[in-house]
Amino acid sequence: MNEKSRIVLRLVAGLYLVYTGIKLIQGLMADRPANMVLMFIIAVVFVIVGAVFAILSIKDMRELKGTESPGEQSDEEEVRESGEPQNSVEIAKDENNENKNNVNQEGRNTEITDEKK
């Protein structure tokens, strides 16, 4: 999971905690249960923790946007624009100084030596 995804997930979790805490407080005011004080404290903790998560996530988002200048590109965009093929081909020498082709295409690895050619 990349950094942007983590920040968004924390933001959503924080907002959900705030929402849950507010709904708990609303339910407490309507029902007035016997353990209202304890439930109210728990609801306030939900709201505070959720607000801290949300605020820190928004702060991290702004910092992340500040570090990315408009001219910078992600690694995926650079690969797409460079025109390089997605499949990688490597030619290496083994112990016997024979050329080997390691071809990685759609998760398949094959080795071809000069003797087999």
PDB file of N, CA and C in Angstrom:
ATOM      1  N   MET A   1       0.858  -1.169   0.000  1.00  0.00           N
ATOM      2  CA  MET A   1       0.000   0.000   0.000  1.00  0.00           C
ATOM      3  C   MET A   1       0.902   1.228   0.000  1.00  0.00           C
ATOM      4  N   ASN A   2       0.610   2.160  -0.922  1.00  0.00           N
ATOM      5  CA  ASN A   2       1.469   3.335  -0.986  1.00  0.00           C
ATOM      6  C   ASN A   2       1.031   4.392   0.031  1.00  0.00           C
ATOM      7  N   GLU A   3       1.803   5.439   0.127  1.00  0.00           N
ATOM      8  CA  GLU A   3       1.582   6.476   1.144  1.00  0.00           C
ATOM      9  C   GLU A   3       0.237   7.174   0.973  1.00  0.00           C
ATOM     10  N   LYS A   4      -0.158   7.462  -0.266  1.00  0.00           N
ATOM     11  CA  LYS A   4      -1.429   8.150  -0.497  1.00  0.00           C
ATOM     12  C   LYS A   4      -2.602   7.305  -0.008  1.00  0.00           C
ATOM     13  N   SER A   5      -2.537   6.010  -0.256  1.00  0.00           N
ATOM     14  CA  SER A   5      -3.614   5.116   0.172  1.00  0.00           C
ATOM     15  C   SER A   5      -3.719   5.058   1.694  1.00  0.00           C
ATOM     16  N   ARG A   6      -2.566   5.018   2.356  1.00  0.00           N
ATOM     17  CA  ARG A   6      -2.575   5.004   3.823  1.00  0.00           C
ATOM     18  C   ARG A   6      -3.200   6.274   4.387  1.00  0.00           C
ATOM     19  N   ILE A   7      -2.859   7.400   3.799  1.00  0.00           N
ATOM     20  CA  ILE A   7      -3.386   8.674   4.289  1.00  0.00           C
ATOM     21  C   ILE A   7      -4.902   8.726   4.102  1.00  0.00           C
ATOM     22  N   VAL A   8      -5.369   8.320   2.942  1.00  0.00           N
ATOM     23  CA  VAL A   8      -6.815   8.342   2.678  1.00  0.00           C
ATOM     24  C   VAL A   8      -7.539   7.375   3.613  1.00  0.00           C
ATOM     25  N   LEU A   9      -6.953   6.209   3.849  1.00  0.00           N
ATOM     26  CA  LEU A   9      -7.571   5.236   4.748  1.00  0.00           C
ATOM     27  C   LEU A   9      -7.652   5.779   6.170  1.00  0.00           C
ATOM     28  N   ARG A  10      -6.593   6.447   6.623  1.00  0.00           N
ATOM     29  CA  ARG A  10      -6.626   7.067   7.956  1.00  0.00           C
ATOM     30  C   ARG A  10      -7.675   8.162   8.032  1.00  0.00           C
ATOM     31  N   LEU A  11      -7.812   8.940   6.971  1.00  0.00           N
ATOM     32  CA  LEU A  11      -8.808  10.001   6.943  1.00  0.00           C
ATOM     33  C   LEU A  11     -10.209   9.422   7.047  1.00  0.00           C
ATOM     34  N   VAL A  12     -10.477   8.380   6.260  1.00  0.00           N
ATOM     35  CA  VAL A  12     -11.802   7.753   6.295  1.00  0.00           C
ATOM     36  C   VAL A  12     -12.067   7.142   7.670  1.00  0.00           C
ATOM     37  N   ALA A  13     -11.068   6.479   8.256  1.00  0.00           N
ATOM     38  CA  ALA A  13     -11.230   5.887   9.584  1.00  0.00           C
ATOM     39  C   ALA A  13     -11.498   6.971  10.629  1.00  0.00           C
ATOM     40  N   GLY A  14     -10.775   8.074  10.533  1.00  0.00           N
ATOM     41  CA  GLY A  14     -10.987   9.169  11.479  1.00  0.00           C
ATOM     42  C   GLY A  14     -12.378   9.764  11.364  1.00  0.00           C
ATOM     43  N   LEU A  15     -12.824   9.987  10.132  1.00  0.00           N
ATOM     44  CA  LEU A  15     -14.170  10.536   9.942  1.00  0.00           C
ATOM     45  C   LEU A  15     -15.241   9.560  10.426  1.00  0.00           C
ATOM     46  N   TYR A  16     -14.991   8.257  10.237  1.00  0.00           N
ATOM     47  CA  TYR A  16     -15.952   7.261  10.708  1.00  0.00           C
ATOM     48  C   TYR A  16     -16.019   7.256  12.238  1.00  0.00           C
ATOM     49  N   LEU A  17     -14.878   7.403  12.902  1.00  0.00           N
ATOM     50  CA  LEU A  17     -14.882   7.466  14.364  1.00  0.00           C
ATOM     51  C   LEU A  17     -15.629   8.697  14.861  1.00  0.00           C
ATOM     52  N   VAL A  18     -15.428   9.826  14.200  1.00  0.00           N
ATOM     53  CA  VAL A  18     -16.166  11.041  14.577  1.00  0.00           C
ATOM     54  C   VAL A  18     -17.669  10.815  14.399  1.00  0.00           C
ATOM     55  N   TYR A  19     -18.055  10.261  13.275  1.00  0.00           N
ATOM     56  CA  TYR A  19     -19.472   9.971  12.994  1.00  0.00           C
ATOM     57  C   TYR A  19     -20.062   9.027  14.043  1.00  0.00           C
ATOM     58  N   THR A  20     -19.326   7.962  14.372  1.00  0.00           N
ATOM     59  CA  THR A  20     -19.810   6.998  15.355  1.00  0.00           C
ATOM     60  C   THR A  20     -19.949   7.640  16.733  1.00  0.00           C
ATOM     61  N   GLY A  21     -18.986   8.458  17.125  1.00  0.00           N
ATOM     62  CA  GLY A  21     -19.067   9.145  18.413  1.00  0.00           C
ATOM     63  C   GLY A  21     -20.257  10.087  18.490  1.00  0.00           C
ATOM     64  N   ILE A  22     -20.518  10.814  17.422  1.00  0.00           N
ATOM     65  CA  ILE A  22     -21.669  11.735  17.406  1.00  0.00           C
ATOM     66  C   ILE A  22     -22.979  10.959  17.481  1.00  0.00           C
ATOM     67  N   LYS A  23     -23.055   9.858  16.734  1.00  0.00           N
ATOM     68  CA  LYS A  23     -24.277   9.034  16.782  1.00  0.00           C
ATOM     69  C   LYS A  23     -24.476   8.425  18.166  1.00  0.00           C
ATOM     70  N   LEU A  24     -23.391   8.047  18.842  1.00  0.00           N
ATOM     71  CA  LEU A  24     -23.509   7.536  20.210  1.00  0.00           C
ATOM     72  C   LEU A  24     -24.045   8.606  21.150  1.00  0.00           C
ATOM     73  N   ILE A  25     -23.541   9.805  21.017  1.00  0.00           N
ATOM     74  CA  ILE A  25     -24.017  10.912  21.863  1.00  0.00           C
ATOM     75  C   ILE A  25     -25.492  11.193  21.596  1.00  0.00           C
ATOM     76  N   GLN A  26     -25.890  11.190  20.325  1.00  0.00           N
ATOM     77  CA  GLN A  26     -27.302  11.410  19.993  1.00  0.00           C
ATOM     78  C   GLN A  26     -28.181  10.304  20.575  1.00  0.00           C
ATOM     79  N   GLY A  27     -27.718   9.061  20.497  1.00  0.00           N
ATOM     80  CA  GLY A  27     -28.480   7.949  21.066  1.00  0.00           C
ATOM     81  C   GLY A  27     -28.568   8.033  22.578  1.00  0.00           C
ATOM     82  N   LEU A  28     -27.499   8.494  23.211  1.00  0.00           N
ATOM     83  CA  LEU A  28     -27.505   8.645  24.668  1.00  0.00           C
ATOM     84  C   LEU A  28     -28.498   9.710  25.111  1.00  0.00           C
ATOM     85  N   MET A  29     -28.578  10.798  24.391  1.00  0.00           N
ATOM     86  CA  MET A  29     -29.505  11.874  24.752  1.00  0.00           C
ATOM     87  C   MET A  29     -30.953  11.425  24.592  1.00  0.00           C
ATOM     88  N   ALA A  30     -31.197  10.570  23.608  1.00  0.00           N
ATOM     89  CA  ALA A  30     -32.570  10.110  23.377  1.00  0.00           C
ATOM     90  C   ALA A  30     -32.986   9.043  24.379  1.00  0.00           C
ATOM     91  N   ASP A  31     -32.098   8.108  24.723  1.00  0.00           N
ATOM     92  CA  ASP A  31     -32.469   6.971  25.566  1.00  0.00           C
ATOM     93  C   ASP A  31     -32.218   7.191  27.055  1.00  0.00           C
ATOM     94  N   ARG A  32     -31.208   7.925  27.408  1.00  0.00           N
ATOM     95  CA  ARG A  32     -30.794   8.171  28.793  1.00  0.00           C
ATOM     96  C   ARG A  32     -30.624   6.860  29.580  1.00  0.00           C
ATOM     97  N   PRO A  33     -29.635   6.015  29.176  1.00  0.00           N
ATOM     98  CA  PRO A  33     -29.432   4.747  29.877  1.00  0.00           C
ATOM     99  C   PRO A  33     -28.804   4.956  31.255  1.00  0.00           C
ATOM    100  N   ALA A  34     -28.740   3.877  32.043  1.00  0.00           N
ATOM    101  CA  ALA A  34     -28.204   3.956  33.408  1.00  0.00           C
ATOM    102  C   ALA A  34     -26.696   4.249  33.399  1.00  0.00           C
ATOM    103  N   ASN A  35     -25.999   3.741  32.437  1.00  0.00           N
ATOM    104  CA  ASN A  35     -24.549   3.977  32.366  1.00  0.00           C
ATOM    105  C   ASN A  35     -24.220   5.097  31.381  1.00  0.00           C
ATOM    106  N   MET A  36     -24.996   6.154  31.432  1.00  0.00           N
ATOM    107  CA  MET A  36     -24.864   7.247  30.476  1.00  0.00           C
ATOM    108  C   MET A  36     -23.508   7.937  30.564  1.00  0.00           C
ATOM    109  N   VAL A  37     -22.980   8.112  31.775  1.00  0.00           N
ATOM    110  CA  VAL A  37     -21.714   8.827  31.938  1.00  0.00           C
ATOM    111  C   VAL A  37     -20.577   8.056  31.248  1.00  0.00           C
ATOM    112  N   LEU A  38     -20.500   6.751  31.487  1.00  0.00           N
ATOM    113  CA  LEU A  38     -19.461   5.941  30.863  1.00  0.00           C
ATOM    114  C   LEU A  38     -19.602   5.956  29.348  1.00  0.00           C
ATOM    115  N   MET A  39     -20.791   5.781  28.848  1.00  0.00           N
ATOM    116  CA  MET A  39     -21.036   5.784  27.400  1.00  0.00           C
ATOM    117  C   MET A  39     -20.699   7.150  26.794  1.00  0.00           C
ATOM    118  N   PHE A  40     -20.999   8.219  27.522  1.00  0.00           N
ATOM    119  CA  PHE A  40     -20.708   9.562  27.034  1.00  0.00           C
ATOM    120  C   PHE A  40     -19.193   9.767  26.938  1.00  0.00           C
ATOM    121  N   ILE A  41     -18.456   9.282  27.930  1.00  0.00           N
ATOM    122  CA  ILE A  41     -16.990   9.407  27.907  1.00  0.00           C
ATOM    123  C   ILE A  41     -16.422   8.640  26.715  1.00  0.00           C
ATOM    124  N   ILE A  42     -16.938   7.434  26.489  1.00  0.00           N
ATOM    125  CA  ILE A  42     -16.472   6.640  25.349  1.00  0.00           C
ATOM    126  C   ILE A  42     -16.780   7.347  24.031  1.00  0.00           C
ATOM    127  N   ALA A  43     -17.962   7.929  23.918  1.00  0.00           N
ATOM    128  CA  ALA A  43     -18.340   8.635  22.693  1.00  0.00           C
ATOM    129  C   ALA A  43     -17.436   9.846  22.458  1.00  0.00           C
ATOM    130  N   VAL A  44     -17.115  10.570  23.512  1.00  0.00           N
ATOM    131  CA  VAL A  44     -16.237  11.733  23.378  1.00  0.00           C
ATOM    132  C   VAL A  44     -14.825  11.289  22.964  1.00  0.00           C
ATOM    133  N   VAL A  45     -14.347  10.169  23.506  1.00  0.00           N
ATOM    134  CA  VAL A  45     -13.044   9.648  23.109  1.00  0.00           C
ATOM    135  C   VAL A  45     -13.058   9.291  21.620  1.00  0.00           C
ATOM    136  N   PHE A  46     -14.150   8.672  21.142  1.00  0.00           N
ATOM    137  CA  PHE A  46     -14.284   8.363  19.716  1.00  0.00           C
ATOM    138  C   PHE A  46     -14.163   9.634  18.886  1.00  0.00           C
ATOM    139  N   VAL A  47     -14.869  10.677  19.287  1.00  0.00           N
ATOM    140  CA  VAL A  47     -14.850  11.925  18.528  1.00  0.00           C
ATOM    141  C   VAL A  47     -13.450  12.536  18.530  1.00  0.00           C
ATOM    142  N   ILE A  48     -12.790  12.537  19.675  1.00  0.00           N
ATOM    143  CA  ILE A  48     -11.459  13.144  19.766  1.00  0.00           C
ATOM    144  C   ILE A  48     -10.437  12.362  18.946  1.00  0.00           C
ATOM    145  N   VAL A  49     -10.420  11.037  19.101  1.00  0.00           N
ATOM    146  CA  VAL A  49      -9.460  10.218  18.351  1.00  0.00           C
ATOM    147  C   VAL A  49      -9.728  10.330  16.846  1.00  0.00           C
ATOM    148  N   GLY A  50     -10.988  10.302  16.461  1.00  0.00           N
ATOM    149  CA  GLY A  50     -11.328  10.435  15.046  1.00  0.00           C
ATOM    150  C   GLY A  50     -10.915  11.781  14.484  1.00  0.00           C
ATOM    151  N   ALA A  51     -11.127  12.837  15.263  1.00  0.00           N
ATOM    152  CA  ALA A  51     -10.744  14.178  14.804  1.00  0.00           C
ATOM    153  C   ALA A  51      -9.225  14.284  14.653  1.00  0.00           C
ATOM    154  N   VAL A  52      -8.480  13.688  15.584  1.00  0.00           N
ATOM    155  CA  VAL A  52      -7.011  13.718  15.495  1.00  0.00           C
ATOM    156  C   VAL A  52      -6.552  12.962  14.247  1.00  0.00           C
ATOM    157  N   PHE A  53      -7.123  11.760  14.008  1.00  0.00           N
ATOM    158  CA  PHE A  53      -6.777  11.011  12.798  1.00  0.00           C
ATOM    159  C   PHE A  53      -7.059  11.835  11.547  1.00  0.00           C
ATOM    160  N   ALA A  54      -8.232  12.444  11.484  1.00  0.00           N
ATOM    161  CA  ALA A  54      -8.621  13.203  10.299  1.00  0.00           C
ATOM    162  C   ALA A  54      -7.717  14.416  10.100  1.00  0.00           C
ATOM    163  N   ILE A  55      -7.447  15.145  11.168  1.00  0.00           N
ATOM    164  CA  ILE A  55      -6.614  16.349  11.062  1.00  0.00           C
ATOM    165  C   ILE A  55      -5.194  15.989  10.640  1.00  0.00           C
ATOM    166  N   LEU A  56      -4.625  14.950  11.252  1.00  0.00           N
ATOM    167  CA  LEU A  56      -3.270  14.546  10.876  1.00  0.00           C
ATOM    168  C   LEU A  56      -3.218  14.027   9.443  1.00  0.00           C
ATOM    169  N   SER A  57      -4.265  13.346   9.010  1.00  0.00           N
ATOM    170  CA  SER A  57      -4.300  12.853   7.636  1.00  0.00           C
ATOM    171  C   SER A  57      -4.365  14.000   6.638  1.00  0.00           C
ATOM    172  N   ILE A  58      -5.169  15.003   6.939  1.00  0.00           N
ATOM    173  CA  ILE A  58      -5.253  16.170   6.063  1.00  0.00           C
ATOM    174  C   ILE A  58      -3.909  16.899   6.022  1.00  0.00           C
ATOM    175  N   LYS A  59      -3.256  16.997   7.181  1.00  0.00           N
ATOM    176  CA  LYS A  59      -1.939  17.630   7.244  1.00  0.00           C
ATOM    177  C   LYS A  59      -0.929  16.841   6.397  1.00  0.00           C
ATOM    178  N   ASP A  60      -0.955  15.503   6.512  1.00  0.00           N
ATOM    179  CA  ASP A  60      -0.043  14.672   5.722  1.00  0.00           C
ATOM    180  C   ASP A  60      -0.337  14.788   4.229  1.00  0.00           C
ATOM    181  N   MET A  61      -1.605  14.903   3.870  1.00  0.00           N
ATOM    182  CA  MET A  61      -1.971  15.078   2.456  1.00  0.00           C
ATOM    183  C   MET A  61      -1.370  16.360   1.896  1.00  0.00           C
ATOM    184  N   ARG A  62      -1.494  17.423   2.655  1.00  0.00           N
ATOM    185  CA  ARG A  62      -0.949  18.711   2.211  1.00  0.00           C
ATOM    186  C   ARG A  62       0.564  18.653   2.083  1.00  0.00           C
ATOM    187  N   GLU A  63       1.227  17.988   3.037  1.00  0.00           N
ATOM    188  CA  GLU A  63       2.681  17.847   2.950  1.00  0.00           C
ATOM    189  C   GLU A  63       3.078  17.016   1.747  1.00  0.00           C
ATOM    190  N   LEU A  64       2.316  15.959   1.473  1.00  0.00           N
ATOM    191  CA  LEU A  64       2.611  15.106   0.333  1.00  0.00           C
ATOM    192  C   LEU A  64       2.422  15.863  -0.973  1.00  0.00           C
ATOM    193  N   LYS A  65       1.392  16.690  -1.050  1.00  0.00           N
ATOM    194  CA  LYS A  65       1.186  17.508  -2.249  1.00  0.00           C
ATOM    195  C   LYS A  65       2.285  18.545  -2.390  1.00  0.00           C
ATOM    196  N   GLY A  66       2.791  19.046  -1.272  1.00  0.00           N
ATOM    197  CA  GLY A  66       3.853  20.045  -1.299  1.00  0.00           C
ATOM    198  C   GLY A  66       5.172  19.472  -1.765  1.00  0.00           C
ATOM    199  N   THR A  67       5.422  18.198  -1.479  1.00  0.00           N
ATOM    200  CA  THR A  67       6.686  17.592  -1.886  1.00  0.00           C
ATOM    201  C   THR A  67       6.683  17.213  -3.356  1.00  0.00           C
ATOM    202  N   GLU A  68       5.519  16.975  -3.936  1.00  0.00           N
ATOM    203  CA  GLU A  68       5.429  16.658  -5.360  1.00  0.00           C
ATOM    204  C   GLU A  68       5.288  17.945  -6.147  1.00  0.00           C
ATOM    205  N   SER A  69       6.310  18.271  -6.904  1.00  0.00           N
ATOM    206  CA  SER A  69       6.202  19.455  -7.735  1.00  0.00           C
ATOM    207  C   SER A  69       5.425  19.098  -8.996  1.00  0.00           C
ATOM    208  N   PRO A  70       4.812  20.065  -9.660  1.00  0.00           N
ATOM    209  CA  PRO A  70       3.993  19.775 -10.839  1.00  0.00           C
ATOM    210  C   PRO A  70       4.759  19.092 -11.958  1.00  0.00           C
ATOM    211  N   GLY A  71       6.071  19.300 -12.043  1.00  0.00           N
ATOM    212  CA  GLY A  71       6.852  18.708 -13.113  1.00  0.00           C
ATOM    213  C   GLY A  71       7.235  17.263 -12.867  1.00  0.00           C
ATOM    214  N   GLU A  72       7.112  16.804 -11.621  1.00  0.00           N
ATOM    215  CA  GLU A  72       7.496  15.436 -11.309  1.00  0.00           C
ATOM    216  C   GLU A  72       6.443  14.462 -11.801  1.00  0.00           C
ATOM    217  N   GLN A  73       6.905  13.274 -12.162  1.00  0.00           N
ATOM    218  CA  GLN A  73       6.001  12.232 -12.620  1.00  0.00           C
ATOM    219  C   GLN A  73       6.216  11.006 -11.769  1.00  0.00           C
ATOM    220  N   SER A  74       5.170  10.212 -11.651  1.00  0.00           N
ATOM    221  CA  SER A  74       5.322   8.960 -10.927  1.00  0.00           C
ATOM    222  C   SER A  74       6.096   7.976 -11.787  1.00  0.00           C
ATOM    223  N   ASP A  75       6.563   6.898 -11.181  1.00  0.00           N
ATOM    224  CA  ASP A  75       7.327   5.883 -11.905  1.00  0.00           C
ATOM    225  C   ASP A  75       6.507   5.267 -13.024  1.00  0.00           C
ATOM    226  N   GLU A  76       5.220   5.026 -12.783  1.00  0.00           N
ATOM    227  CA  GLU A  76       4.361   4.428 -13.807  1.00  0.00           C
ATOM    228  C   GLU A  76       4.216   5.341 -15.020  1.00  0.00           C
ATOM    229  N   GLU A  77       4.067   6.646 -14.787  1.00  0.00           N
ATOM    230  CA  GLU A  77       3.935   7.583 -15.898  1.00  0.00           C
ATOM    231  C   GLU A  77       5.225   7.638 -16.709  1.00  0.00           C
ATOM    232  N   GLU A  78       6.382   7.586 -16.029  1.00  0.00           N
ATOM    233  CA  GLU A  78       7.657   7.620 -16.731  1.00  0.00           C
ATOM    234  C   GLU A  78       7.819   6.406 -17.623  1.00  0.00           C
ATOM    235  N   VAL A  79       7.408   5.224 -17.148  1.00  0.00           N
ATOM    236  CA  VAL A  79       7.530   4.008 -17.949  1.00  0.00           C
ATOM    237  C   VAL A  79       6.619   4.086 -19.165  1.00  0.00           C
ATOM    238  N   ARG A  80       5.386   4.566 -18.971  1.00  0.00           N
ATOM    239  CA  ARG A  80       4.452   4.681 -20.097  1.00  0.00           C
ATOM    240  C   ARG A  80       4.979   5.634 -21.163  1.00  0.00           C
ATOM    241  N   GLU A  81       5.540   6.769 -20.745  1.00  0.00           N
ATOM    242  CA  GLU A  81       5.993   7.765 -21.696  1.00  0.00           C
ATOM    243  C   GLU A  81       7.333   7.405 -22.338  1.00  0.00           C
ATOM    244  N   SER A  82       8.127   6.577 -21.683  1.00  0.00           N
ATOM    245  CA  SER A  82       9.432   6.240 -22.237  1.00  0.00           C
ATOM    246  C   SER A  82       9.320   5.275 -23.402  1.00  0.00           C
ATOM    247  N   GLY A  83       8.214   4.566 -23.509  1.00  0.00           N
ATOM    248  CA  GLY A  83       8.018   3.632 -24.604  1.00  0.00           C
ATOM    249  C   GLY A  83       8.718   2.311 -24.389  1.00  0.00           C
ATOM    250  N   GLU A  84       9.275   2.094 -23.205  1.00  0.00           N
ATOM    251  CA  GLU A  84       9.938   0.834 -22.920  1.00  0.00           C
ATOM    252  C   GLU A  84       8.890  -0.257 -22.759  1.00  0.00           C
ATOM    253  N   PRO A  85       9.196  -1.461 -23.242  1.00  0.00           N
ATOM    254  CA  PRO A  85       8.236  -2.552 -23.083  1.00  0.00           C
ATOM    255  C   PRO A  85       8.100  -2.947 -21.614  1.00  0.00           C
ATOM    256  N   GLN A  86       6.943  -3.443 -21.255  1.00  0.00           N
ATOM    257  CA  GLN A  86       6.685  -3.842 -19.885  1.00  0.00           C
ATOM    258  C   GLN A  86       7.394  -5.151 -19.542  1.00  0.00           C
ATOM    259  N   ASN A  87       7.610  -6.014 -20.529  1.00  0.00           N
ATOM    260  CA  ASN A  87       8.285  -7.287 -20.279  1.00  0.00           C
ATOM    261  C   ASN A  87       9.781  -7.041 -20.267  1.00  0.00           C
ATOM    262  N   SER A  88      10.486  -7.717 -19.359  1.00  0.00           N
ATOM    263  CA  SER A  88      11.924  -7.497 -19.257  1.00  0.00           C
ATOM    264  C   SER A  88      12.673  -8.687 -19.824  1.00  0.00           C
ATOM    265  N   VAL A  89      13.768  -8.403 -20.512  1.00  0.00           N
ATOM    266  CA  VAL A  89      14.624  -9.435 -21.081  1.00  0.00           C
ATOM    267  C   VAL A  89      16.041  -9.138 -20.629  1.00  0.00           C
ATOM    268  N   GLU A  90      16.698 -10.140 -20.035  1.00  0.00           N
ATOM    269  CA  GLU A  90      18.065  -9.968 -19.587  1.00  0.00           C
ATOM    270  C   GLU A  90      18.942 -11.016 -20.253  1.00  0.00           C
ATOM    271  N   ILE A  91      20.140 -10.612 -20.625  1.00  0.00           N
ATOM    272  CA  ILE A  91      21.119 -11.550 -21.157  1.00  0.00           C
ATOM    273  C   ILE A  91      22.273 -11.570 -20.174  1.00  0.00           C
ATOM    274  N   ALA A  92      22.587 -12.760 -19.672  1.00  0.00           N
ATOM    275  CA  ALA A  92      23.627 -12.885 -18.664  1.00  0.00           C
ATOM    276  C   ALA A  92      24.573 -14.010 -19.041  1.00  0.00           C
ATOM    277  N   LYS A  93      25.727 -13.980 -18.450  1.00  0.00           N
ATOM    278  CA  LYS A  93      26.718 -15.043 -18.657  1.00  0.00           C
ATOM    279  C   LYS A  93      26.664 -15.973 -17.452  1.00  0.00           C
ATOM    280  N   ASP A  94      26.671 -17.289 -17.718  1.00  0.00           N
ATOM    281  CA  ASP A  94      26.740 -18.238 -16.618  1.00  0.00           C
ATOM    282  C   ASP A  94      28.196 -18.620 -16.378  1.00  0.00           C
ATOM    283  N   GLU A  95      28.436 -19.670 -15.556  1.00  0.00           N
ATOM    284  CA  GLU A  95      29.793 -20.053 -15.213  1.00  0.00           C
ATOM    285  C   GLU A  95      30.599 -20.486 -16.435  1.00  0.00           C
ATOM    286  N   ASN A  96      29.972 -21.065 -17.449  1.00  0.00           N
ATOM    287  CA  ASN A  96      30.667 -21.565 -18.629  1.00  0.00           C
ATOM    288  C   ASN A  96      30.786 -20.507 -19.718  1.00  0.00           C
ATOM    289  N   ASN A  97      30.494 -19.247 -19.385  1.00  0.00           N
ATOM    290  CA  ASN A  97      30.523 -18.136 -20.322  1.00  0.00           C
ATOM    291  C   ASN A  97      29.580 -18.335 -21.509  1.00  0.00           C
ATOM    292  N   GLU A  98      28.498 -19.051 -21.272  1.00  0.00           N
ATOM    293  CA  GLU A  98      27.481 -19.192 -22.301  1.00  0.00           C
ATOM    294  C   GLU A  98      26.450 -18.099 -22.101  1.00  0.00           C
ATOM    295  N   ASN A  99      25.940 -17.574 -23.190  1.00  0.00           N
ATOM    296  CA  ASN A  99      24.892 -16.571 -23.093  1.00  0.00           C
ATOM    297  C   ASN A  99      23.586 -17.250 -22.714  1.00  0.00           C
ATOM    298  N   LYS A 100      22.876 -16.644 -21.774  1.00  0.00           N
ATOM    299  CA  LYS A 100      21.565 -17.134 -21.378  1.00  0.00           C
ATOM    300  C   LYS A 100      20.582 -15.986 -21.503  1.00  0.00           C
ATOM    301  N   ASN A 101      19.425 -16.280 -21.985  1.00  0.00           N
ATOM    302  CA  ASN A 101      18.361 -15.284 -22.045  1.00  0.00           C
ATOM    303  C   ASN A 101      17.343 -15.617 -20.968  1.00  0.00           C
ATOM    304  N   ASN A 102      17.130 -14.708 -20.044  1.00  0.00           N
ATOM    305  CA  ASN A 102      16.088 -14.857 -19.044  1.00  0.00           C
ATOM    306  C   ASN A 102      14.925 -13.988 -19.486  1.00  0.00           C
ATOM    307  N   VAL A 103      13.851 -14.593 -19.897  1.00  0.00           N
ATOM    308  CA  VAL A 103      12.717 -13.851 -20.422  1.00  0.00           C
ATOM    309  C   VAL A 103      11.600 -13.908 -19.399  1.00  0.00           C
ATOM    310  N   ASN A 104      11.125 -12.758 -18.993  1.00  0.00           N
ATOM    311  CA  ASN A 104      10.018 -12.681 -18.053  1.00  0.00           C
ATOM    312  C   ASN A 104       8.834 -12.085 -18.790  1.00  0.00           C
ATOM    313  N   GLN A 105       7.874 -12.924 -19.114  1.00  0.00           N
ATOM    314  CA  GLN A 105       6.710 -12.459 -19.854  1.00  0.00           C
ATOM    315  C   GLN A 105       5.472 -13.001 -19.164  1.00  0.00           C
ATOM    316  N   GLU A 106       4.694 -12.104 -18.617  1.00  0.00           N
ATOM    317  CA  GLU A 106       3.453 -12.441 -17.928  1.00  0.00           C
ATOM    318  C   GLU A 106       3.683 -13.493 -16.845  1.00  0.00           C
ATOM    319  N   GLY A 107       4.732 -13.308 -16.064  1.00  0.00           N
ATOM    320  CA  GLY A 107       4.983 -14.188 -14.946  1.00  0.00           C
ATOM    321  C   GLY A 107       5.687 -15.487 -15.302  1.00  0.00           C
ATOM    322  N   ARG A 108       6.040 -15.704 -16.562  1.00  0.00           N
ATOM    323  CA  ARG A 108       6.706 -16.938 -16.979  1.00  0.00           C
ATOM    324  C   ARG A 108       8.195 -16.672 -17.123  1.00  0.00           C
ATOM    325  N   ASN A 109       8.987 -17.522 -16.527  1.00  0.00           N
ATOM    326  CA  ASN A 109      10.445 -17.409 -16.640  1.00  0.00           C
ATOM    327  C   ASN A 109      10.950 -18.579 -17.467  1.00  0.00           C
ATOM    328  N   THR A 110      11.704 -18.289 -18.523  1.00  0.00           N
ATOM    329  CA  THR A 110      12.296 -19.343 -19.333  1.00  0.00           C
ATOM    330  C   THR A 110      13.758 -19.023 -19.525  1.00  0.00           C
ATOM    331  N   GLU A 111      14.579 -20.071 -19.631  1.00  0.00           N
ATOM    332  CA  GLU A 111      16.005 -19.880 -19.869  1.00  0.00           C
ATOM    333  C   GLU A 111      16.360 -20.597 -21.154  1.00  0.00           C
ATOM    334  N   ILE A 112      17.058 -19.906 -22.037  1.00  0.00           N
ATOM    335  CA  ILE A 112      17.494 -20.473 -23.306  1.00  0.00           C
ATOM    336  C   ILE A 112      19.009 -20.327 -23.362  1.00  0.00           C
ATOM    337  N   THR A 113      19.720 -21.407 -23.560  1.00  0.00           N
ATOM    338  CA  THR A 113      21.180 -21.326 -23.669  1.00  0.00           C
ATOM    339  C   THR A 113      21.571 -21.366 -25.134  1.00  0.00           C
ATOM    340  N   ASP A 114      22.852 -21.070 -25.407  1.00  0.00           N
ATOM    341  CA  ASP A 114      23.349 -21.089 -26.794  1.00  0.00           C
ATOM    342  C   ASP A 114      23.308 -22.492 -27.362  1.00  0.00           C
ATOM    343  N   GLU A 115      23.462 -23.507 -26.503  1.00  0.00           N
ATOM    344  CA  GLU A 115      23.471 -24.874 -26.965  1.00  0.00           C
ATOM    345  C   GLU A 115      22.109 -25.277 -27.540  1.00  0.00           C
ATOM    346  N   LYS A 116      21.012 -24.788 -26.964  1.00  0.00           N
ATOM    347  CA  LYS A 116      19.662 -25.145 -27.391  1.00  0.00           C
ATOM    348  C   LYS A 116      19.241 -24.421 -28.642  1.00  0.00           C
ATOM    349  N   LYS A 117      19.879 -23.299 -28.965  1.00  0.00           N
ATOM    350  CA  LYS A 117      19.492 -22.480 -30.110  1.00  0.00           C
ATOM    351  C   LYS A 117      19.795 -23.138 -31.383  1.00  0.00           C
TER     352      LYS A 117
END
